[in-house]
Amino acid sequence: MEKISFYNEETNEDVEFYVVEETKFQGDTYILVTEEEDGDSDAYIMHEVREEDNGNLFYEMVEDDALLDALGNIFSELLDDADVRRD
């Protein structure tokens, strides 16, 4: 499982996540990440964003409820043994 690091501007710290799955939805790329490599863990869905001016790539948390529901269903189908739901 791939491990990626993000810089949290609010805390000025690096945060590490494991990429569980990736999918495209309506032309955009999304990744499902967890803090733990194995076992039950909170999961987060992140949206891939490319800056137009310099081409830099970054990810932002998905917060829209309808989009989270749609993507949660997609990731649940992609991961047969995973229960992806919003609490």
PDB file of N, CA and C in Angstrom:
ATOM      1  N   MET A   1       0.852  -1.168   0.000  1.00  0.00           N
ATOM      2  CA  MET A   1       0.000   0.000   0.000  1.00  0.00           C
ATOM      3  C   MET A   1       0.902   1.237   0.000  1.00  0.00           C
ATOM      4  N   GLU A   2       0.610   2.159  -0.886  1.00  0.00           N
ATOM      5  CA  GLU A   2       1.422   3.375  -1.012  1.00  0.00           C
ATOM      6  C   GLU A   2       1.177   4.311   0.169  1.00  0.00           C
ATOM      7  N   LYS A   3       2.236   4.893   0.673  1.00  0.00           N
ATOM      8  CA  LYS A   3       2.164   5.853   1.767  1.00  0.00           C
ATOM      9  C   LYS A   3       2.505   7.234   1.213  1.00  0.00           C
ATOM     10  N   ILE A   4       1.669   8.228   1.527  1.00  0.00           N
ATOM     11  CA  ILE A   4       1.918   9.586   1.045  1.00  0.00           C
ATOM     12  C   ILE A   4       1.885  10.554   2.223  1.00  0.00           C
ATOM     13  N   SER A   5       2.582  11.660   2.060  1.00  0.00           N
ATOM     14  CA  SER A   5       2.637  12.684   3.102  1.00  0.00           C
ATOM     15  C   SER A   5       2.014  13.970   2.589  1.00  0.00           C
ATOM     16  N   PHE A   6       1.312  14.637   3.478  1.00  0.00           N
ATOM     17  CA  PHE A   6       0.713  15.928   3.181  1.00  0.00           C
ATOM     18  C   PHE A   6       1.188  16.923   4.230  1.00  0.00           C
ATOM     19  N   TYR A   7       1.331  18.150   3.818  1.00  0.00           N
ATOM     20  CA  TYR A   7       1.690  19.205   4.752  1.00  0.00           C
ATOM     21  C   TYR A   7       0.419  19.884   5.217  1.00  0.00           C
ATOM     22  N   ASN A   8       0.175  19.903   6.520  1.00  0.00           N
ATOM     23  CA  ASN A   8      -0.989  20.550   7.106  1.00  0.00           C
ATOM     24  C   ASN A   8      -0.601  21.974   7.478  1.00  0.00           C
ATOM     25  N   GLU A   9      -1.145  22.933   6.737  1.00  0.00           N
ATOM     26  CA  GLU A   9      -0.788  24.338   6.959  1.00  0.00           C
ATOM     27  C   GLU A   9      -1.283  24.856   8.301  1.00  0.00           C
ATOM     28  N   GLU A  10      -2.360  24.276   8.831  1.00  0.00           N
ATOM     29  CA  GLU A  10      -2.901  24.721  10.113  1.00  0.00           C
ATOM     30  C   GLU A  10      -1.988  24.349  11.273  1.00  0.00           C
ATOM     31  N   THR A  11      -1.374  23.157  11.194  1.00  0.00           N
ATOM     32  CA  THR A  11      -0.518  22.691  12.294  1.00  0.00           C
ATOM     33  C   THR A  11       0.967  22.786  11.968  1.00  0.00           C
ATOM     34  N   ASN A  12       1.284  23.119  10.717  1.00  0.00           N
ATOM     35  CA  ASN A  12       2.670  23.172  10.243  1.00  0.00           C
ATOM     36  C   ASN A  12       3.387  21.837  10.425  1.00  0.00           C
ATOM     37  N   GLU A  13       2.654  20.739  10.208  1.00  0.00           N
ATOM     38  CA  GLU A  13       3.218  19.404  10.341  1.00  0.00           C
ATOM     39  C   GLU A  13       2.890  18.578   9.110  1.00  0.00           C
ATOM     40  N   ASP A  14       3.712  17.556   8.875  1.00  0.00           N
ATOM     41  CA  ASP A  14       3.417  16.579   7.835  1.00  0.00           C
ATOM     42  C   ASP A  14       2.481  15.530   8.420  1.00  0.00           C
ATOM     43  N   VAL A  15       1.516  15.108   7.602  1.00  0.00           N
ATOM     44  CA  VAL A  15       0.573  14.068   7.984  1.00  0.00           C
ATOM     45  C   VAL A  15       0.702  12.952   6.962  1.00  0.00           C
ATOM     46  N   GLU A  16       0.817  11.708   7.434  1.00  0.00           N
ATOM     47  CA  GLU A  16       0.984  10.581   6.527  1.00  0.00           C
ATOM     48  C   GLU A  16      -0.304   9.771   6.433  1.00  0.00           C
ATOM     49  N   PHE A  17      -0.615   9.341   5.211  1.00  0.00           N
ATOM     50  CA  PHE A  17      -1.778   8.506   4.941  1.00  0.00           C
ATOM     51  C   PHE A  17      -1.363   7.359   4.035  1.00  0.00           C
ATOM     52  N   TYR A  18      -2.153   6.290   4.081  1.00  0.00           N
ATOM     53  CA  TYR A  18      -1.999   5.166   3.163  1.00  0.00           C
ATOM     54  C   TYR A  18      -3.097   5.269   2.114  1.00  0.00           C
ATOM     55  N   VAL A  19      -2.713   5.160   0.843  1.00  0.00           N
ATOM     56  CA  VAL A  19      -3.679   5.213  -0.242  1.00  0.00           C
ATOM     57  C   VAL A  19      -4.283   3.821  -0.412  1.00  0.00           C
ATOM     58  N   VAL A  20      -5.577   3.721  -0.187  1.00  0.00           N
ATOM     59  CA  VAL A  20      -6.282   2.451  -0.270  1.00  0.00           C
ATOM     60  C   VAL A  20      -6.768   2.198  -1.697  1.00  0.00           C
ATOM     61  N   GLU A  21      -7.308   3.252  -2.338  1.00  0.00           N
ATOM     62  CA  GLU A  21      -7.881   3.107  -3.678  1.00  0.00           C
ATOM     63  C   GLU A  21      -7.945   4.470  -4.350  1.00  0.00           C
ATOM     64  N   GLU A  22      -8.013   4.447  -5.665  1.00  0.00           N
ATOM     65  CA  GLU A  22      -8.130   5.664  -6.470  1.00  0.00           C
ATOM     66  C   GLU A  22      -9.245   5.444  -7.480  1.00  0.00           C
ATOM     67  N   THR A  23     -10.003   6.505  -7.789  1.00  0.00           N
ATOM     68  CA  THR A  23     -11.048   6.406  -8.801  1.00  0.00           C
ATOM     69  C   THR A  23     -11.231   7.757  -9.485  1.00  0.00           C
ATOM     70  N   LYS A  24     -11.857   7.718 -10.644  1.00  0.00           N
ATOM     71  CA  LYS A  24     -12.244   8.932 -11.345  1.00  0.00           C
ATOM     72  C   LYS A  24     -13.753   9.036 -11.282  1.00  0.00           C
ATOM     73  N   PHE A  25     -14.252  10.252 -11.081  1.00  0.00           N
ATOM     74  CA  PHE A  25     -15.684  10.510 -11.013  1.00  0.00           C
ATOM     75  C   PHE A  25     -15.940  11.863 -11.653  1.00  0.00           C
ATOM     76  N   GLN A  26     -16.758  11.866 -12.675  1.00  0.00           N
ATOM     77  CA  GLN A  26     -17.106  13.081 -13.406  1.00  0.00           C
ATOM     78  C   GLN A  26     -15.854  13.845 -13.848  1.00  0.00           C
ATOM     79  N   GLY A  27     -14.847  13.098 -14.319  1.00  0.00           N
ATOM     80  CA  GLY A  27     -13.643  13.694 -14.863  1.00  0.00           C
ATOM     81  C   GLY A  27     -12.584  14.088 -13.857  1.00  0.00           C
ATOM     82  N   ASP A  28     -12.858  13.944 -12.574  1.00  0.00           N
ATOM     83  CA  ASP A  28     -11.894  14.290 -11.526  1.00  0.00           C
ATOM     84  C   ASP A  28     -11.376  13.016 -10.858  1.00  0.00           C
ATOM     85  N   THR A  29     -10.169  13.100 -10.299  1.00  0.00           N
ATOM     86  CA  THR A  29      -9.548  11.968  -9.619  1.00  0.00           C
ATOM     87  C   THR A  29      -9.706  12.129  -8.112  1.00  0.00           C
ATOM     88  N   TYR A  30     -10.056  11.022  -7.451  1.00  0.00           N
ATOM     89  CA  TYR A  30     -10.236  10.991  -6.002  1.00  0.00           C
ATOM     90  C   TYR A  30      -9.471   9.806  -5.441  1.00  0.00           C
ATOM     91  N   ILE A  31      -8.939   9.968  -4.220  1.00  0.00           N
ATOM     92  CA  ILE A  31      -8.274   8.864  -3.545  1.00  0.00           C
ATOM     93  C   ILE A  31      -8.933   8.637  -2.187  1.00  0.00           C
ATOM     94  N   LEU A  32      -8.945   7.373  -1.786  1.00  0.00           N
ATOM     95  CA  LEU A  32      -9.418   6.986  -0.467  1.00  0.00           C
ATOM     96  C   LEU A  32      -8.179   6.690   0.364  1.00  0.00           C
ATOM     97  N   VAL A  33      -8.017   7.384   1.483  1.00  0.00           N
ATOM     98  CA  VAL A  33      -6.826   7.228   2.317  1.00  0.00           C
ATOM     99  C   VAL A  33      -7.216   6.896   3.755  1.00  0.00           C
ATOM    100  N   THR A  34      -6.284   6.227   4.463  1.00  0.00           N
ATOM    101  CA  THR A  34      -6.467   5.923   5.883  1.00  0.00           C
ATOM    102  C   THR A  34      -5.180   6.260   6.629  1.00  0.00           C
ATOM    103  N   GLU A  35      -5.307   6.378   7.929  1.00  0.00           N
ATOM    104  CA  GLU A  35      -4.133   6.652   8.754  1.00  0.00           C
ATOM    105  C   GLU A  35      -3.397   5.372   9.135  1.00  0.00           C
ATOM    106  N   GLU A  36      -4.092   4.241   9.112  1.00  0.00           N
ATOM    107  CA  GLU A  36      -3.508   2.948   9.484  1.00  0.00           C
ATOM    108  C   GLU A  36      -3.376   2.073   8.243  1.00  0.00           C
ATOM    109  N   GLU A  37      -2.314   1.300   8.174  1.00  0.00           N
ATOM    110  CA  GLU A  37      -2.112   0.438   7.008  1.00  0.00           C
ATOM    111  C   GLU A  37      -3.053  -0.756   7.012  1.00  0.00           C
ATOM    112  N   ASP A  38      -3.301  -1.334   8.179  1.00  0.00           N
ATOM    113  CA  ASP A  38      -4.148  -2.523   8.280  1.00  0.00           C
ATOM    114  C   ASP A  38      -5.236  -2.301   9.317  1.00  0.00           C
ATOM    115  N   GLY A  39      -6.323  -3.051   9.187  1.00  0.00           N
ATOM    116  CA  GLY A  39      -7.379  -3.034  10.188  1.00  0.00           C
ATOM    117  C   GLY A  39      -8.359  -1.901   9.991  1.00  0.00           C
ATOM    118  N   ASP A  40      -9.280  -1.796  10.953  1.00  0.00           N
ATOM    119  CA  ASP A  40     -10.296  -0.751  10.902  1.00  0.00           C
ATOM    120  C   ASP A  40      -9.664   0.601  11.181  1.00  0.00           C
ATOM    121  N   SER A  41     -10.058   1.575  10.397  1.00  0.00           N
ATOM    122  CA  SER A  41      -9.497   2.908  10.549  1.00  0.00           C
ATOM    123  C   SER A  41     -10.444   3.906   9.909  1.00  0.00           C
ATOM    124  N   ASP A  42     -10.397   5.134  10.386  1.00  0.00           N
ATOM    125  CA  ASP A  42     -11.128   6.188   9.701  1.00  0.00           C
ATOM    126  C   ASP A  42     -10.530   6.360   8.317  1.00  0.00           C
ATOM    127  N   ALA A  43     -11.381   6.654   7.350  1.00  0.00           N
ATOM    128  CA  ALA A  43     -10.929   6.858   5.981  1.00  0.00           C
ATOM    129  C   ALA A  43     -11.351   8.257   5.538  1.00  0.00           C
ATOM    130  N   TYR A  44     -10.606   8.791   4.618  1.00  0.00           N
ATOM    131  CA  TYR A  44     -10.883  10.127   4.087  1.00  0.00           C
ATOM    132  C   TYR A  44     -10.836  10.064   2.571  1.00  0.00           C
ATOM    133  N   ILE A  45     -11.716  10.828   1.945  1.00  0.00           N
ATOM    134  CA  ILE A  45     -11.723  10.912   0.493  1.00  0.00           C
ATOM    135  C   ILE A  45     -11.141  12.270   0.118  1.00  0.00           C
ATOM    136  N   MET A  46     -10.130  12.235  -0.755  1.00  0.00           N
ATOM    137  CA  MET A  46      -9.441  13.455  -1.145  1.00  0.00           C
ATOM    138  C   MET A  46      -9.551  13.656  -2.655  1.00  0.00           C
ATOM    139  N   HIS A  47      -9.676  14.908  -3.038  1.00  0.00           N
ATOM    140  CA  HIS A  47      -9.824  15.313  -4.436  1.00  0.00           C
ATOM    141  C   HIS A  47      -8.480  15.804  -4.956  1.00  0.00           C
ATOM    142  N   GLU A  48      -8.063  15.279  -6.106  1.00  0.00           N
ATOM    143  CA  GLU A  48      -6.806  15.700  -6.734  1.00  0.00           C
ATOM    144  C   GLU A  48      -7.038  17.007  -7.481  1.00  0.00           C
ATOM    145  N   VAL A  49      -6.205  17.997  -7.212  1.00  0.00           N
ATOM    146  CA  VAL A  49      -6.326  19.309  -7.835  1.00  0.00           C
ATOM    147  C   VAL A  49      -4.974  19.691  -8.434  1.00  0.00           C
ATOM    148  N   ARG A  50      -5.004  20.137  -9.672  1.00  0.00           N
ATOM    149  CA  ARG A  50      -3.779  20.596 -10.329  1.00  0.00           C
ATOM    150  C   ARG A  50      -3.906  22.105 -10.534  1.00  0.00           C
ATOM    151  N   GLU A  51      -2.907  22.841 -10.031  1.00  0.00           N
ATOM    152  CA  GLU A  51      -2.902  24.293 -10.177  1.00  0.00           C
ATOM    153  C   GLU A  51      -2.660  24.651 -11.640  1.00  0.00           C
ATOM    154  N   GLU A  52      -3.494  25.528 -12.165  1.00  0.00           N
ATOM    155  CA  GLU A  52      -3.391  25.897 -13.572  1.00  0.00           C
ATOM    156  C   GLU A  52      -2.120  26.681 -13.895  1.00  0.00           C
ATOM    157  N   ASP A  53      -1.711  27.558 -12.996  1.00  0.00           N
ATOM    158  CA  ASP A  53      -0.591  28.449 -13.302  1.00  0.00           C
ATOM    159  C   ASP A  53       0.770  27.750 -13.326  1.00  0.00           C
ATOM    160  N   ASN A  54       0.967  26.734 -12.448  1.00  0.00           N
ATOM    161  CA  ASN A  54       2.281  26.090 -12.405  1.00  0.00           C
ATOM    162  C   ASN A  54       2.219  24.564 -12.539  1.00  0.00           C
ATOM    163  N   GLY A  55       1.034  23.997 -12.615  1.00  0.00           N
ATOM    164  CA  GLY A  55       0.900  22.559 -12.799  1.00  0.00           C
ATOM    165  C   GLY A  55       1.129  21.726 -11.551  1.00  0.00           C
ATOM    166  N   ASN A  56       1.365  22.369 -10.405  1.00  0.00           N
ATOM    167  CA  ASN A  56       1.566  21.617  -9.159  1.00  0.00           C
ATOM    168  C   ASN A  56       0.313  20.833  -8.809  1.00  0.00           C
ATOM    169  N   LEU A  57       0.515  19.669  -8.229  1.00  0.00           N
ATOM    170  CA  LEU A  57      -0.569  18.777  -7.856  1.00  0.00           C
ATOM    171  C   LEU A  57      -0.715  18.771  -6.344  1.00  0.00           C
ATOM    172  N   PHE A  58      -1.960  18.876  -5.872  1.00  0.00           N
ATOM    173  CA  PHE A  58      -2.214  18.742  -4.442  1.00  0.00           C
ATOM    174  C   PHE A  58      -3.567  18.091  -4.238  1.00  0.00           C
ATOM    175  N   TYR A  59      -3.865  17.712  -3.014  1.00  0.00           N
ATOM    176  CA  TYR A  59      -5.128  17.062  -2.675  1.00  0.00           C
ATOM    177  C   TYR A  59      -5.826  17.875  -1.601  1.00  0.00           C
ATOM    178  N   GLU A  60      -7.166  17.886  -1.694  1.00  0.00           N
ATOM    179  CA  GLU A  60      -7.967  18.539  -0.669  1.00  0.00           C
ATOM    180  C   GLU A  60      -9.070  17.590  -0.227  1.00  0.00           C
ATOM    181  N   MET A  61      -9.447  17.671   1.039  1.00  0.00           N
ATOM    182  CA  MET A  61     -10.488  16.808   1.582  1.00  0.00           C
ATOM    183  C   MET A  61     -11.821  17.135   0.915  1.00  0.00           C
ATOM    184  N   VAL A  62     -12.584  16.093   0.608  1.00  0.00           N
ATOM    185  CA  VAL A  62     -13.930  16.271   0.073  1.00  0.00           C
ATOM    186  C   VAL A  62     -14.862  16.493   1.256  1.00  0.00           C
ATOM    187  N   GLU A  63     -15.643  17.569   1.216  1.00  0.00           N
ATOM    188  CA  GLU A  63     -16.529  17.891   2.320  1.00  0.00           C
ATOM    189  C   GLU A  63     -17.999  17.947   1.920  1.00  0.00           C
ATOM    190  N   ASP A  64     -18.289  17.971   0.621  1.00  0.00           N
ATOM    191  CA  ASP A  64     -19.663  18.030   0.136  1.00  0.00           C
ATOM    192  C   ASP A  64     -20.371  16.702   0.432  1.00  0.00           C
ATOM    193  N   ASP A  65     -21.492  16.759   1.155  1.00  0.00           N
ATOM    194  CA  ASP A  65     -22.183  15.549   1.596  1.00  0.00           C
ATOM    195  C   ASP A  65     -22.651  14.667   0.439  1.00  0.00           C
ATOM    196  N   ALA A  66     -23.240  15.258  -0.584  1.00  0.00           N
ATOM    197  CA  ALA A  66     -23.738  14.474  -1.721  1.00  0.00           C
ATOM    198  C   ALA A  66     -22.585  13.803  -2.459  1.00  0.00           C
ATOM    199  N   LEU A  67     -21.488  14.526  -2.636  1.00  0.00           N
ATOM    200  CA  LEU A  67     -20.315  13.972  -3.303  1.00  0.00           C
ATOM    201  C   LEU A  67     -19.694  12.863  -2.461  1.00  0.00           C
ATOM    202  N   LEU A  68     -19.621  13.062  -1.145  1.00  0.00           N
ATOM    203  CA  LEU A  68     -19.086  12.028  -0.260  1.00  0.00           C
ATOM    204  C   LEU A  68     -19.925  10.747  -0.344  1.00  0.00           C
ATOM    205  N   ASP A  69     -21.250  10.889  -0.387  1.00  0.00           N
ATOM    206  CA  ASP A  69     -22.113   9.716  -0.495  1.00  0.00           C
ATOM    207  C   ASP A  69     -21.871   8.976  -1.808  1.00  0.00           C
ATOM    208  N   ALA A  70     -21.798   9.715  -2.909  1.00  0.00           N
ATOM    209  CA  ALA A  70     -21.581   9.105  -4.223  1.00  0.00           C
ATOM    210  C   ALA A  70     -20.226   8.401  -4.278  1.00  0.00           C
ATOM    211  N   LEU A  71     -19.188   9.072  -3.811  1.00  0.00           N
ATOM    212  CA  LEU A  71     -17.850   8.480  -3.828  1.00  0.00           C
ATOM    213  C   LEU A  71     -17.739   7.318  -2.852  1.00  0.00           C
ATOM    214  N   GLY A  72     -18.406   7.405  -1.710  1.00  0.00           N
ATOM    215  CA  GLY A  72     -18.406   6.298  -0.755  1.00  0.00           C
ATOM    216  C   GLY A  72     -18.992   5.044  -1.375  1.00  0.00           C
ATOM    217  N   ASN A  73     -20.066   5.205  -2.148  1.00  0.00           N
ATOM    218  CA  ASN A  73     -20.660   4.056  -2.845  1.00  0.00           C
ATOM    219  C   ASN A  73     -19.697   3.476  -3.869  1.00  0.00           C
ATOM    220  N   ILE A  74     -19.012   4.337  -4.608  1.00  0.00           N
ATOM    221  CA  ILE A  74     -18.053   3.867  -5.613  1.00  0.00           C
ATOM    222  C   ILE A  74     -16.917   3.102  -4.947  1.00  0.00           C
ATOM    223  N   PHE A  75     -16.334   3.680  -3.889  1.00  0.00           N
ATOM    224  CA  PHE A  75     -15.226   3.003  -3.213  1.00  0.00           C
ATOM    225  C   PHE A  75     -15.682   1.691  -2.568  1.00  0.00           C
ATOM    226  N   SER A  76     -16.914   1.634  -2.050  1.00  0.00           N
ATOM    227  CA  SER A  76     -17.430   0.385  -1.488  1.00  0.00           C
ATOM    228  C   SER A  76     -17.509  -0.703  -2.549  1.00  0.00           C
ATOM    229  N   GLU A  77     -17.915  -0.334  -3.760  1.00  0.00           N
ATOM    230  CA  GLU A  77     -17.981  -1.307  -4.853  1.00  0.00           C
ATOM    231  C   GLU A  77     -16.587  -1.759  -5.285  1.00  0.00           C
ATOM    232  N   LEU A  78     -15.629  -0.823  -5.290  1.00  0.00           N
ATOM    233  CA  LEU A  78     -14.272  -1.166  -5.689  1.00  0.00           C
ATOM    234  C   LEU A  78     -13.571  -2.057  -4.664  1.00  0.00           C
ATOM    235  N   LEU A  79     -13.919  -1.886  -3.405  1.00  0.00           N
ATOM    236  CA  LEU A  79     -13.296  -2.631  -2.315  1.00  0.00           C
ATOM    237  C   LEU A  79     -14.327  -3.583  -1.719  1.00  0.00           C
ATOM    238  N   ASP A  80     -14.359  -4.787  -2.207  1.00  0.00           N
ATOM    239  CA  ASP A  80     -15.381  -5.761  -1.803  1.00  0.00           C
ATOM    240  C   ASP A  80     -15.470  -5.975  -0.311  1.00  0.00           C
ATOM    241  N   ASP A  81     -14.333  -5.962   0.389  1.00  0.00           N
ATOM    242  CA  ASP A  81     -14.341  -6.279   1.811  1.00  0.00           C
ATOM    243  C   ASP A  81     -14.369  -5.044   2.712  1.00  0.00           C
ATOM    244  N   ALA A  82     -14.599  -3.859   2.130  1.00  0.00           N
ATOM    245  CA  ALA A  82     -14.576  -2.631   2.921  1.00  0.00           C
ATOM    246  C   ALA A  82     -15.977  -2.067   3.091  1.00  0.00           C
ATOM    247  N   ASP A  83     -16.215  -1.492   4.254  1.00  0.00           N
ATOM    248  CA  ASP A  83     -17.477  -0.823   4.533  1.00  0.00           C
ATOM    249  C   ASP A  83     -17.172   0.678   4.559  1.00  0.00           C
ATOM    250  N   VAL A  84     -17.444   1.357   3.457  1.00  0.00           N
ATOM    251  CA  VAL A  84     -17.164   2.788   3.362  1.00  0.00           C
ATOM    252  C   VAL A  84     -18.468   3.525   3.574  1.00  0.00           C
ATOM    253  N   ARG A  85     -18.556   4.202   4.725  1.00  0.00           N
ATOM    254  CA  ARG A  85     -19.772   4.953   5.025  1.00  0.00           C
ATOM    255  C   ARG A  85     -19.406   6.168   5.856  1.00  0.00           C
ATOM    256  N   ARG A  86     -20.320   7.138   5.807  1.00  0.00           N
ATOM    257  CA  ARG A  86     -20.119   8.364   6.574  1.00  0.00           C
ATOM    258  C   ARG A  86     -20.742   8.223   7.943  1.00  0.00           C
ATOM    259  N   ASP A  87     -20.024   8.675   8.947  1.00  0.00           N
ATOM    260  CA  ASP A  87     -20.581   8.681  10.314  1.00  0.00           C
ATOM    261  C   ASP A  87     -21.003  10.064  10.683  1.00  0.00           C
TER     262      ASP A  87
END
